Amino acid sequence: MSDTIITLRSAADGDASPEDFTITLEEGSISVLINDTFEEGADGDEVIDIARAKPRCLEKIVEFLKHYRVEAMTDVAIPIVGNSFDEVRRCG
């Protein structure tokens, strides 16, 4: 699973062509889109078009996926209590 390479293709940005970004299936495992694509029988050889993300945005998404594969996200306490952002921030 972790050795499968996935290519994500951004939307075109103005006159610039779409850009490709590669991640492993393990890095992309927190993405519902990637999980759904592989549940439908994808084998990792095709390109997944992310038509609504321009290159800079998709670059940040890939960075996020790679980061949280290494360092797990912390849970957010529910219900969120407080009337201001500062009160909510102190609760966590």
N, C-alpha and C. Protein backbone atom coordinates (compact mmCIF):
# COMPACT_ATOMS: atom_id res chain seq x y z
N MET A 1 0.82 -1.20 0.00
CA MET A 1 0.00 0.00 0.00
C MET A 1 0.86 1.26 0.00
N SER A 2 1.84 1.36 0.89
CA SER A 2 2.61 2.59 1.02
C SER A 2 3.53 2.83 -0.17
N ASP A 3 3.83 1.79 -0.96
CA ASP A 3 4.71 1.95 -2.11
C ASP A 3 3.98 2.46 -3.36
N THR A 4 2.66 2.44 -3.35
CA THR A 4 1.89 2.89 -4.51
C THR A 4 2.03 4.40 -4.65
N ILE A 5 2.46 4.85 -5.82
CA ILE A 5 2.64 6.27 -6.09
C ILE A 5 1.40 6.80 -6.80
N ILE A 6 0.93 7.94 -6.33
CA ILE A 6 -0.25 8.59 -6.90
C ILE A 6 0.20 9.93 -7.49
N THR A 7 -0.31 10.25 -8.66
CA THR A 7 -0.05 11.54 -9.28
C THR A 7 -1.34 12.36 -9.22
N LEU A 8 -1.23 13.54 -8.65
CA LEU A 8 -2.36 14.48 -8.59
C LEU A 8 -2.06 15.61 -9.56
N ARG A 9 -3.03 15.93 -10.41
CA ARG A 9 -2.83 16.99 -11.41
C ARG A 9 -3.72 18.18 -11.07
N SER A 10 -3.11 19.36 -11.02
CA SER A 10 -3.84 20.59 -10.72
C SER A 10 -4.59 21.09 -11.94
N ALA A 11 -5.40 22.09 -11.71
CA ALA A 11 -6.05 22.81 -12.80
C ALA A 11 -5.01 23.72 -13.44
N ALA A 12 -5.28 24.17 -14.65
CA ALA A 12 -4.40 25.16 -15.29
C ALA A 12 -4.57 26.48 -14.55
N ASP A 13 -3.51 27.27 -14.55
CA ASP A 13 -3.56 28.57 -13.88
C ASP A 13 -3.22 29.65 -14.91
N GLY A 14 -4.26 30.26 -15.46
CA GLY A 14 -4.04 31.28 -16.49
C GLY A 14 -3.45 30.63 -17.73
N ASP A 15 -2.30 31.14 -18.17
CA ASP A 15 -1.62 30.60 -19.34
C ASP A 15 -0.74 29.39 -18.99
N ALA A 16 -0.52 29.16 -17.70
CA ALA A 16 0.33 28.06 -17.27
C ALA A 16 -0.41 26.73 -17.36
N SER A 17 0.32 25.69 -17.70
CA SER A 17 -0.24 24.35 -17.80
C SER A 17 -0.49 23.78 -16.41
N PRO A 18 -1.35 22.75 -16.31
CA PRO A 18 -1.54 22.07 -15.03
C PRO A 18 -0.21 21.48 -14.56
N GLU A 19 -0.08 21.34 -13.23
CA GLU A 19 1.14 20.74 -12.66
C GLU A 19 0.80 19.42 -12.00
N ASP A 20 1.76 18.48 -12.04
CA ASP A 20 1.60 17.18 -11.40
C ASP A 20 2.37 17.14 -10.09
N PHE A 21 1.78 16.51 -9.09
CA PHE A 21 2.39 16.31 -7.79
C PHE A 21 2.27 14.84 -7.45
N THR A 22 3.31 14.25 -6.90
CA THR A 22 3.25 12.83 -6.56
C THR A 22 3.31 12.64 -5.05
N ILE A 23 2.52 11.69 -4.59
CA ILE A 23 2.51 11.28 -3.19
C ILE A 23 2.35 9.76 -3.17
N THR A 24 2.57 9.18 -2.01
CA THR A 24 2.30 7.75 -1.87
C THR A 24 0.85 7.56 -1.46
N LEU A 25 0.34 6.37 -1.67
CA LEU A 25 -1.03 6.06 -1.25
C LEU A 25 -1.16 6.23 0.26
N GLU A 26 -0.12 5.88 0.99
CA GLU A 26 -0.15 6.03 2.45
C GLU A 26 -0.27 7.50 2.84
N GLU A 27 0.47 8.39 2.17
CA GLU A 27 0.37 9.82 2.46
C GLU A 27 -1.01 10.37 2.12
N GLY A 28 -1.62 9.83 1.10
CA GLY A 28 -2.94 10.30 0.68
C GLY A 28 -4.09 9.63 1.40
N SER A 29 -3.80 8.76 2.35
CA SER A 29 -4.85 7.96 2.99
C SER A 29 -5.86 8.76 3.79
N ILE A 30 -5.55 10.00 4.17
CA ILE A 30 -6.54 10.81 4.90
C ILE A 30 -7.47 11.56 3.95
N SER A 31 -7.26 11.41 2.66
CA SER A 31 -8.10 12.07 1.66
C SER A 31 -9.25 11.14 1.24
N VAL A 32 -10.47 11.61 1.40
CA VAL A 32 -11.64 10.84 0.98
C VAL A 32 -11.62 10.63 -0.53
N LEU A 33 -11.23 11.65 -1.29
CA LEU A 33 -11.17 11.54 -2.75
C LEU A 33 -10.22 10.43 -3.17
N ILE A 34 -9.04 10.40 -2.58
CA ILE A 34 -8.06 9.37 -2.93
C ILE A 34 -8.55 8.00 -2.51
N ASN A 35 -9.09 7.88 -1.30
CA ASN A 35 -9.62 6.59 -0.86
C ASN A 35 -10.73 6.10 -1.76
N ASP A 36 -11.65 6.98 -2.13
CA ASP A 36 -12.75 6.60 -3.02
C ASP A 36 -12.23 6.15 -4.38
N THR A 37 -11.23 6.84 -4.90
CA THR A 37 -10.66 6.49 -6.20
C THR A 37 -10.07 5.09 -6.17
N PHE A 38 -9.40 4.74 -5.09
CA PHE A 38 -8.77 3.43 -5.02
C PHE A 38 -9.76 2.33 -4.65
N GLU A 39 -10.86 2.67 -4.00
CA GLU A 39 -11.91 1.68 -3.75
C GLU A 39 -12.61 1.30 -5.05
N GLU A 40 -12.59 2.21 -6.03
CA GLU A 40 -13.23 1.96 -7.32
C GLU A 40 -12.31 1.19 -8.27
N GLY A 41 -11.16 0.75 -7.78
CA GLY A 41 -10.31 -0.12 -8.57
C GLY A 41 -9.12 0.54 -9.24
N ALA A 42 -8.77 1.74 -8.87
CA ALA A 42 -7.59 2.38 -9.45
C ALA A 42 -6.35 1.62 -9.01
N ASP A 43 -5.32 1.64 -9.84
CA ASP A 43 -4.11 0.89 -9.50
C ASP A 43 -2.90 1.76 -9.22
N GLY A 44 -3.04 3.06 -9.27
CA GLY A 44 -1.94 3.95 -8.97
C GLY A 44 -1.21 4.46 -10.20
N ASP A 45 -1.48 3.87 -11.38
CA ASP A 45 -0.79 4.30 -12.59
C ASP A 45 -1.43 5.52 -13.25
N GLU A 46 -2.69 5.77 -12.94
CA GLU A 46 -3.34 6.90 -13.60
C GLU A 46 -3.17 8.18 -12.80
N VAL A 47 -3.49 9.28 -13.44
CA VAL A 47 -3.40 10.61 -12.83
C VAL A 47 -4.79 10.97 -12.32
N ILE A 48 -4.84 11.51 -11.10
CA ILE A 48 -6.10 11.99 -10.54
C ILE A 48 -6.15 13.49 -10.77
N ASP A 49 -7.12 13.93 -11.57
CA ASP A 49 -7.27 15.37 -11.84
C ASP A 49 -8.01 16.03 -10.69
N ILE A 50 -7.39 17.06 -10.14
CA ILE A 50 -8.01 17.87 -9.09
C ILE A 50 -8.38 19.19 -9.77
N ALA A 51 -9.48 19.17 -10.47
CA ALA A 51 -9.86 20.25 -11.39
C ALA A 51 -10.11 21.60 -10.72
N ARG A 52 -10.42 21.61 -9.45
CA ARG A 52 -10.72 22.88 -8.79
C ARG A 52 -9.52 23.48 -8.07
N ALA A 53 -8.38 22.81 -8.08
CA ALA A 53 -7.21 23.31 -7.36
C ALA A 53 -6.13 23.78 -8.32
N LYS A 54 -5.78 25.04 -8.20
CA LYS A 54 -4.67 25.58 -8.98
C LYS A 54 -3.37 25.04 -8.40
N PRO A 55 -2.27 25.13 -9.15
CA PRO A 55 -1.02 24.51 -8.71
C PRO A 55 -0.57 24.90 -7.29
N ARG A 56 -0.63 26.16 -6.95
CA ARG A 56 -0.17 26.61 -5.62
C ARG A 56 -1.03 25.99 -4.53
N CYS A 57 -2.32 25.91 -4.76
CA CYS A 57 -3.24 25.32 -3.78
C CYS A 57 -2.98 23.81 -3.64
N LEU A 58 -2.84 23.12 -4.76
CA LEU A 58 -2.59 21.68 -4.70
C LEU A 58 -1.24 21.39 -4.05
N GLU A 59 -0.28 22.26 -4.26
CA GLU A 59 1.02 22.10 -3.59
C GLU A 59 0.85 22.12 -2.07
N LYS A 60 0.01 23.03 -1.57
CA LYS A 60 -0.25 23.12 -0.13
C LYS A 60 -1.02 21.89 0.37
N ILE A 61 -1.94 21.39 -0.44
CA ILE A 61 -2.68 20.18 -0.06
C ILE A 61 -1.73 19.00 0.07
N VAL A 62 -0.83 18.85 -0.89
CA VAL A 62 0.14 17.76 -0.86
C VAL A 62 1.06 17.91 0.36
N GLU A 63 1.47 19.13 0.64
CA GLU A 63 2.30 19.41 1.82
C GLU A 63 1.55 18.99 3.10
N PHE A 64 0.27 19.32 3.18
CA PHE A 64 -0.57 18.95 4.32
C PHE A 64 -0.66 17.44 4.47
N LEU A 65 -0.94 16.74 3.37
CA LEU A 65 -1.05 15.28 3.41
C LEU A 65 0.25 14.63 3.87
N LYS A 66 1.36 15.12 3.37
CA LYS A 66 2.65 14.55 3.75
C LYS A 66 2.97 14.83 5.22
N HIS A 67 2.67 16.04 5.67
CA HIS A 67 2.94 16.41 7.06
C HIS A 67 2.15 15.55 8.03
N TYR A 68 0.85 15.41 7.78
CA TYR A 68 0.00 14.68 8.72
C TYR A 68 0.12 13.17 8.57
N ARG A 69 0.88 12.70 7.61
CA ARG A 69 1.20 11.27 7.56
C ARG A 69 2.29 10.98 8.58
N VAL A 70 3.15 11.98 8.81
CA VAL A 70 4.25 11.85 9.77
C VAL A 70 3.79 12.19 11.19
N GLU A 71 3.05 13.29 11.32
CA GLU A 71 2.59 13.77 12.63
C GLU A 71 1.06 13.75 12.64
N ALA A 72 0.49 12.88 13.46
CA ALA A 72 -0.97 12.74 13.50
C ALA A 72 -1.65 14.02 13.94
N MET A 73 -2.83 14.28 13.37
CA MET A 73 -3.62 15.43 13.77
C MET A 73 -4.14 15.23 15.19
N THR A 74 -4.27 16.32 15.93
CA THR A 74 -4.85 16.22 17.26
C THR A 74 -6.36 16.38 17.16
N ASP A 75 -7.08 15.66 18.00
CA ASP A 75 -8.54 15.74 17.99
C ASP A 75 -9.01 17.07 18.55
N VAL A 76 -10.12 17.55 18.04
CA VAL A 76 -10.76 18.76 18.54
C VAL A 76 -11.86 18.33 19.50
N ALA A 77 -11.83 18.93 20.70
CA ALA A 77 -12.85 18.59 21.69
C ALA A 77 -14.22 19.08 21.21
N ILE A 78 -15.19 18.19 21.33
CA ILE A 78 -16.56 18.53 20.93
C ILE A 78 -17.46 18.31 22.12
N PRO A 79 -18.35 19.16 22.48
CA PRO A 79 -18.67 20.41 21.77
C PRO A 79 -17.64 21.49 22.07
N ILE A 80 -17.53 22.39 21.12
CA ILE A 80 -16.62 23.52 21.29
C ILE A 80 -17.33 24.52 22.19
N VAL A 81 -16.65 24.91 23.27
CA VAL A 81 -17.26 25.79 24.27
C VAL A 81 -16.54 27.13 24.24
N GLY A 82 -17.31 28.21 24.31
CA GLY A 82 -16.74 29.54 24.37
C GLY A 82 -17.46 30.49 23.44
N ASN A 83 -17.35 31.77 23.77
CA ASN A 83 -18.00 32.80 22.97
C ASN A 83 -17.04 33.56 22.08
N SER A 84 -15.75 33.31 22.25
CA SER A 84 -14.76 33.99 21.42
C SER A 84 -13.70 32.99 21.00
N PHE A 85 -12.92 33.35 20.00
CA PHE A 85 -11.86 32.48 19.53
C PHE A 85 -10.85 32.20 20.63
N ASP A 86 -10.50 33.22 21.43
CA ASP A 86 -9.54 33.03 22.50
C ASP A 86 -10.03 32.01 23.54
N GLU A 87 -11.32 32.05 23.88
CA GLU A 87 -11.87 31.09 24.83
C GLU A 87 -11.82 29.66 24.26
N VAL A 88 -12.14 29.52 23.00
CA VAL A 88 -12.12 28.21 22.37
C VAL A 88 -10.69 27.69 22.31
N ARG A 89 -9.74 28.55 21.97
CA ARG A 89 -8.34 28.16 21.85
C ARG A 89 -7.79 27.66 23.18
N ARG A 90 -8.18 28.27 24.29
CA ARG A 90 -7.69 27.88 25.62
C ARG A 90 -8.26 26.53 26.06
N CYS A 91 -9.39 26.12 25.51
CA CYS A 91 -10.02 24.86 25.92
C CYS A 91 -9.22 23.66 25.46
N GLY A 92 -8.52 23.76 24.35
CA GLY A 92 -7.79 22.62 23.79
C GLY A 92 -6.53 22.41 24.46
